[in-house]
Amino acid sequence: MMKLRKKKIKYAEFPDNPDLEKNIEQKALIDWSQDPSLHMHNAEVKKVLNNAINELSETYRPVFVLRDIEQLSIKETAKILDITEENVKIRLRRARMFLRERLSNYFSERNTSL
């Protein structure tokens, strides 16, 4: 039986650049949590997300809420809703696709207006 040798990993070396290191350190120390525009943006995104979740049909909303918000397992979700595990997976995928479409529309409109 032949043994395979592990390939040696080659790392690229970067030249020392004190300006680059200083710039990285400065960026690492910036506290973005105090930026009021981020809080406003997060509140707006939450509102848009909640509206999109409310637009989900009664078939998909409970599955999405139980799986992605309440973080229950597929098995637990299936038991609570009295459906098969396969049906949970299908409904969850459809719910996520619906939300992806709604949110991508929102973000594409937002990016074009900036």
N, C-alpha and C. Protein backbone atom coordinates (compact mmCIF):
# COMPACT_ATOMS: atom_id res chain seq x y z
N MET A 1 0.84 -1.18 0.00
CA MET A 1 0.00 0.00 0.00
C MET A 1 0.89 1.25 0.00
N MET A 2 0.55 2.17 -0.85
CA MET A 2 1.36 3.38 -1.01
C MET A 2 0.81 4.50 -0.13
N LYS A 3 1.70 5.20 0.56
CA LYS A 3 1.30 6.34 1.40
C LYS A 3 1.42 7.62 0.60
N LEU A 4 0.41 8.46 0.69
CA LEU A 4 0.47 9.75 0.03
C LEU A 4 1.11 10.77 0.96
N ARG A 5 1.94 11.60 0.41
CA ARG A 5 2.57 12.65 1.21
C ARG A 5 1.67 13.88 1.20
N LYS A 6 1.66 14.53 2.31
CA LYS A 6 0.90 15.78 2.40
C LYS A 6 1.65 16.86 1.63
N LYS A 7 0.89 17.66 0.92
CA LYS A 7 1.51 18.77 0.21
C LYS A 7 1.91 19.84 1.20
N LYS A 8 3.07 20.40 0.99
CA LYS A 8 3.53 21.48 1.85
C LYS A 8 2.82 22.76 1.45
N ILE A 9 2.36 23.47 2.45
CA ILE A 9 1.68 24.73 2.20
C ILE A 9 2.72 25.82 2.08
N LYS A 10 2.61 26.59 1.02
CA LYS A 10 3.52 27.71 0.81
C LYS A 10 2.79 28.99 1.16
N TYR A 11 3.38 29.77 2.04
CA TYR A 11 2.79 31.02 2.46
C TYR A 11 3.48 32.17 1.73
N ALA A 12 2.68 33.12 1.30
CA ALA A 12 3.24 34.30 0.65
C ALA A 12 3.75 35.23 1.73
N GLU A 13 4.88 35.82 1.48
CA GLU A 13 5.44 36.77 2.43
C GLU A 13 5.19 38.17 1.92
N PHE A 14 4.75 39.01 2.82
CA PHE A 14 4.49 40.40 2.48
C PHE A 14 5.61 41.26 3.03
N PRO A 15 6.02 42.24 2.27
CA PRO A 15 7.09 43.11 2.77
C PRO A 15 6.59 43.92 3.97
N ASP A 16 7.51 44.22 4.87
CA ASP A 16 7.14 45.04 6.04
C ASP A 16 6.71 46.41 5.57
N ASN A 17 5.55 46.82 6.06
CA ASN A 17 5.03 48.12 5.69
C ASN A 17 4.41 48.74 6.95
N PRO A 18 5.14 49.61 7.64
CA PRO A 18 4.63 50.19 8.90
C PRO A 18 3.34 50.98 8.71
N ASP A 19 3.19 51.63 7.56
CA ASP A 19 1.97 52.41 7.31
C ASP A 19 0.76 51.49 7.24
N LEU A 20 0.92 50.33 6.61
CA LEU A 20 -0.17 49.37 6.49
C LEU A 20 -0.56 48.85 7.87
N GLU A 21 0.43 48.51 8.69
CA GLU A 21 0.15 48.01 10.03
C GLU A 21 -0.55 49.06 10.88
N LYS A 22 -0.13 50.32 10.78
CA LYS A 22 -0.74 51.41 11.54
C LYS A 22 -2.19 51.59 11.10
N ASN A 23 -2.44 51.52 9.79
CA ASN A 23 -3.78 51.68 9.24
C ASN A 23 -4.70 50.57 9.74
N ILE A 24 -4.20 49.34 9.76
CA ILE A 24 -5.00 48.21 10.23
C ILE A 24 -5.32 48.37 11.71
N GLU A 25 -4.36 48.80 12.51
CA GLU A 25 -4.58 49.00 13.94
C GLU A 25 -5.63 50.08 14.18
N GLN A 26 -5.58 51.17 13.42
CA GLN A 26 -6.55 52.24 13.59
C GLN A 26 -7.96 51.75 13.26
N LYS A 27 -8.10 50.98 12.19
CA LYS A 27 -9.42 50.48 11.81
C LYS A 27 -9.96 49.50 12.83
N ALA A 28 -9.09 48.74 13.46
CA ALA A 28 -9.52 47.76 14.45
C ALA A 28 -10.04 48.44 15.71
N LEU A 29 -9.60 49.65 15.99
CA LEU A 29 -9.98 50.33 17.21
C LEU A 29 -11.23 51.19 17.08
N ILE A 30 -11.75 51.36 15.89
CA ILE A 30 -12.93 52.19 15.69
C ILE A 30 -14.15 51.45 16.24
N ASP A 31 -14.94 52.13 17.07
CA ASP A 31 -16.15 51.54 17.64
C ASP A 31 -17.34 51.98 16.79
N TRP A 32 -17.82 51.07 15.95
CA TRP A 32 -18.93 51.38 15.04
C TRP A 32 -20.28 51.25 15.73
N SER A 33 -20.33 50.70 16.92
CA SER A 33 -21.62 50.46 17.58
C SER A 33 -22.29 51.77 18.00
N GLN A 34 -21.54 52.84 18.09
CA GLN A 34 -22.11 54.11 18.53
C GLN A 34 -22.60 54.98 17.38
N ASP A 35 -22.48 54.49 16.15
CA ASP A 35 -22.88 55.26 14.98
C ASP A 35 -24.40 55.28 14.88
N PRO A 36 -25.04 56.44 15.05
CA PRO A 36 -26.51 56.50 15.03
C PRO A 36 -27.11 56.11 13.68
N SER A 37 -26.39 56.35 12.59
CA SER A 37 -26.94 55.99 11.28
C SER A 37 -27.05 54.47 11.14
N LEU A 38 -26.13 53.72 11.81
CA LEU A 38 -26.23 52.26 11.79
C LEU A 38 -27.45 51.78 12.55
N HIS A 39 -27.73 52.42 13.69
CA HIS A 39 -28.92 52.06 14.47
C HIS A 39 -30.18 52.32 13.66
N MET A 40 -30.23 53.46 12.99
CA MET A 40 -31.39 53.79 12.17
C MET A 40 -31.53 52.78 11.04
N HIS A 41 -30.42 52.44 10.40
CA HIS A 41 -30.44 51.48 9.30
C HIS A 41 -30.91 50.11 9.80
N ASN A 42 -30.38 49.67 10.96
CA ASN A 42 -30.78 48.38 11.53
C ASN A 42 -32.27 48.36 11.85
N ALA A 43 -32.79 49.45 12.39
CA ALA A 43 -34.22 49.52 12.71
C ALA A 43 -35.04 49.44 11.43
N GLU A 44 -34.58 50.10 10.39
CA GLU A 44 -35.29 50.07 9.11
C GLU A 44 -35.26 48.66 8.51
N VAL A 45 -34.12 48.00 8.57
CA VAL A 45 -34.00 46.64 8.04
C VAL A 45 -34.89 45.68 8.83
N LYS A 46 -34.94 45.84 10.15
CA LYS A 46 -35.81 44.99 10.97
C LYS A 46 -37.27 45.18 10.58
N LYS A 47 -37.65 46.42 10.33
CA LYS A 47 -39.03 46.71 9.94
C LYS A 47 -39.35 46.05 8.60
N VAL A 48 -38.44 46.18 7.65
CA VAL A 48 -38.63 45.57 6.33
C VAL A 48 -38.69 44.05 6.45
N LEU A 49 -37.81 43.48 7.27
CA LEU A 49 -37.81 42.03 7.47
C LEU A 49 -39.11 41.56 8.12
N ASN A 50 -39.57 42.27 9.15
CA ASN A 50 -40.84 41.90 9.79
C ASN A 50 -42.01 41.98 8.82
N ASN A 51 -42.02 43.02 7.99
CA ASN A 51 -43.09 43.14 6.99
C ASN A 51 -43.04 41.98 6.00
N ALA A 52 -41.84 41.61 5.58
CA ALA A 52 -41.69 40.50 4.64
C ALA A 52 -42.13 39.18 5.28
N ILE A 53 -41.79 38.97 6.55
CA ILE A 53 -42.23 37.75 7.25
C ILE A 53 -43.75 37.73 7.35
N ASN A 54 -44.35 38.88 7.61
CA ASN A 54 -45.81 38.95 7.69
C ASN A 54 -46.48 38.70 6.34
N GLU A 55 -45.76 38.92 5.25
CA GLU A 55 -46.30 38.66 3.92
C GLU A 55 -46.27 37.18 3.57
N LEU A 56 -45.51 36.39 4.32
CA LEU A 56 -45.47 34.95 4.05
C LEU A 56 -46.86 34.36 4.24
N SER A 57 -47.19 33.37 3.44
CA SER A 57 -48.49 32.72 3.58
C SER A 57 -48.55 31.93 4.88
N GLU A 58 -49.76 31.59 5.30
CA GLU A 58 -49.95 30.83 6.53
C GLU A 58 -49.31 29.45 6.45
N THR A 59 -49.02 28.99 5.27
CA THR A 59 -48.36 27.70 5.09
C THR A 59 -46.88 27.78 5.45
N TYR A 60 -46.23 28.89 5.07
CA TYR A 60 -44.79 29.02 5.22
C TYR A 60 -44.35 29.76 6.49
N ARG A 61 -45.14 30.72 6.95
CA ARG A 61 -44.73 31.54 8.09
C ARG A 61 -44.44 30.73 9.35
N PRO A 62 -45.33 29.81 9.77
CA PRO A 62 -45.03 29.08 11.01
C PRO A 62 -43.74 28.26 10.92
N VAL A 63 -43.48 27.68 9.77
CA VAL A 63 -42.26 26.90 9.59
C VAL A 63 -41.04 27.81 9.71
N PHE A 64 -41.08 28.94 9.06
CA PHE A 64 -39.96 29.88 9.11
C PHE A 64 -39.72 30.37 10.54
N VAL A 65 -40.79 30.74 11.22
CA VAL A 65 -40.66 31.26 12.59
C VAL A 65 -40.10 30.18 13.52
N LEU A 66 -40.64 28.99 13.44
CA LEU A 66 -40.17 27.93 14.34
C LEU A 66 -38.72 27.54 14.06
N ARG A 67 -38.34 27.46 12.80
CA ARG A 67 -36.98 27.01 12.45
C ARG A 67 -35.95 28.12 12.58
N ASP A 68 -36.20 29.27 11.95
CA ASP A 68 -35.15 30.29 11.87
C ASP A 68 -35.19 31.32 13.00
N ILE A 69 -36.35 31.53 13.60
CA ILE A 69 -36.41 32.50 14.68
C ILE A 69 -36.35 31.78 16.04
N GLU A 70 -37.20 30.78 16.21
CA GLU A 70 -37.19 30.02 17.47
C GLU A 70 -36.07 28.98 17.52
N GLN A 71 -35.47 28.69 16.39
CA GLN A 71 -34.35 27.76 16.24
C GLN A 71 -34.67 26.34 16.72
N LEU A 72 -35.88 25.89 16.39
CA LEU A 72 -36.24 24.50 16.69
C LEU A 72 -35.69 23.60 15.60
N SER A 73 -35.55 22.34 15.91
CA SER A 73 -35.06 21.37 14.92
C SER A 73 -36.16 21.06 13.91
N ILE A 74 -35.76 20.40 12.83
CA ILE A 74 -36.73 19.99 11.82
C ILE A 74 -37.73 19.02 12.44
N LYS A 75 -37.22 18.12 13.23
CA LYS A 75 -38.08 17.12 13.87
C LYS A 75 -39.10 17.79 14.80
N GLU A 76 -38.63 18.73 15.62
CA GLU A 76 -39.54 19.43 16.54
C GLU A 76 -40.59 20.25 15.78
N THR A 77 -40.15 20.91 14.72
CA THR A 77 -41.07 21.71 13.91
C THR A 77 -42.12 20.82 13.27
N ALA A 78 -41.70 19.69 12.74
CA ALA A 78 -42.64 18.76 12.11
C ALA A 78 -43.67 18.27 13.11
N LYS A 79 -43.22 17.97 14.31
CA LYS A 79 -44.12 17.47 15.35
C LYS A 79 -45.13 18.54 15.76
N ILE A 80 -44.66 19.76 15.96
CA ILE A 80 -45.55 20.85 16.38
C ILE A 80 -46.60 21.14 15.31
N LEU A 81 -46.18 21.16 14.04
CA LEU A 81 -47.10 21.51 12.95
C LEU A 81 -47.84 20.29 12.40
N ASP A 82 -47.50 19.13 12.89
CA ASP A 82 -48.12 17.88 12.45
C ASP A 82 -47.98 17.69 10.93
N ILE A 83 -46.74 17.86 10.46
CA ILE A 83 -46.41 17.62 9.06
C ILE A 83 -45.14 16.78 9.02
N THR A 84 -44.78 16.29 7.85
CA THR A 84 -43.57 15.47 7.73
C THR A 84 -42.32 16.35 7.79
N GLU A 85 -41.21 15.74 8.12
CA GLU A 85 -39.93 16.46 8.14
C GLU A 85 -39.58 16.97 6.75
N GLU A 86 -39.86 16.16 5.74
CA GLU A 86 -39.60 16.58 4.36
C GLU A 86 -40.42 17.82 4.00
N ASN A 87 -41.66 17.85 4.48
CA ASN A 87 -42.52 19.00 4.22
C ASN A 87 -41.99 20.25 4.92
N VAL A 88 -41.42 20.08 6.11
CA VAL A 88 -40.80 21.20 6.81
C VAL A 88 -39.67 21.78 5.96
N LYS A 89 -38.84 20.91 5.42
CA LYS A 89 -37.70 21.36 4.60
C LYS A 89 -38.18 22.10 3.36
N ILE A 90 -39.19 21.57 2.71
CA ILE A 90 -39.72 22.20 1.49
C ILE A 90 -40.31 23.57 1.80
N ARG A 91 -41.13 23.64 2.83
CA ARG A 91 -41.77 24.91 3.19
C ARG A 91 -40.74 25.94 3.64
N LEU A 92 -39.75 25.49 4.37
CA LEU A 92 -38.71 26.41 4.83
C LEU A 92 -37.93 26.97 3.65
N ARG A 93 -37.60 26.12 2.71
CA ARG A 93 -36.87 26.59 1.52
C ARG A 93 -37.70 27.61 0.75
N ARG A 94 -38.97 27.34 0.57
CA ARG A 94 -39.85 28.27 -0.15
C ARG A 94 -39.99 29.59 0.60
N ALA A 95 -40.09 29.52 1.92
CA ALA A 95 -40.19 30.73 2.72
C ALA A 95 -38.92 31.56 2.59
N ARG A 96 -37.78 30.90 2.67
CA ARG A 96 -36.50 31.61 2.54
C ARG A 96 -36.34 32.24 1.15
N MET A 97 -36.77 31.52 0.13
CA MET A 97 -36.68 32.07 -1.24
C MET A 97 -37.57 33.30 -1.38
N PHE A 98 -38.77 33.25 -0.81
CA PHE A 98 -39.68 34.40 -0.84
C PHE A 98 -39.03 35.59 -0.15
N LEU A 99 -38.48 35.35 1.05
CA LEU A 99 -37.86 36.43 1.81
C LEU A 99 -36.62 36.96 1.10
N ARG A 100 -35.86 36.08 0.49
CA ARG A 100 -34.68 36.52 -0.26
C ARG A 100 -35.08 37.47 -1.38
N GLU A 101 -36.15 37.12 -2.08
CA GLU A 101 -36.61 37.97 -3.18
C GLU A 101 -37.07 39.33 -2.66
N ARG A 102 -37.87 39.31 -1.58
CA ARG A 102 -38.36 40.57 -1.01
C ARG A 102 -37.21 41.45 -0.52
N LEU A 103 -36.28 40.84 0.19
CA LEU A 103 -35.18 41.63 0.75
C LEU A 103 -34.20 42.08 -0.31
N SER A 104 -33.97 41.26 -1.32
CA SER A 104 -33.06 41.68 -2.39
C SER A 104 -33.66 42.84 -3.17
N ASN A 105 -34.98 42.85 -3.34
CA ASN A 105 -35.64 44.00 -3.97
C ASN A 105 -35.42 45.25 -3.14
N TYR A 106 -35.59 45.13 -1.83
CA TYR A 106 -35.41 46.27 -0.94
C TYR A 106 -33.98 46.80 -1.01
N PHE A 107 -33.00 45.89 -0.90
CA PHE A 107 -31.61 46.34 -0.89
C PHE A 107 -31.16 46.85 -2.25
N SER A 108 -31.66 46.29 -3.34
CA SER A 108 -31.28 46.81 -4.65
C SER A 108 -31.86 48.21 -4.85
N GLU A 109 -33.09 48.45 -4.40
CA GLU A 109 -33.69 49.79 -4.50
C GLU A 109 -32.92 50.77 -3.63
N ARG A 110 -32.52 50.32 -2.45
CA ARG A 110 -31.79 51.17 -1.52
C ARG A 110 -30.42 51.54 -2.08
N ASN A 111 -29.73 50.59 -2.69
CA ASN A 111 -28.40 50.85 -3.25
C ASN A 111 -28.46 51.78 -4.44
N THR A 112 -29.50 51.71 -5.25
CA THR A 112 -29.60 52.59 -6.40
C THR A 112 -29.95 54.02 -5.99
N SER A 113 -30.59 54.17 -4.81
CA SER A 113 -30.96 55.51 -4.36
C SER A 113 -29.82 56.22 -3.63
N LEU A 114 -28.75 55.48 -3.29
CA LEU A 114 -27.63 56.11 -2.55
C LEU A 114 -26.73 56.87 -3.44
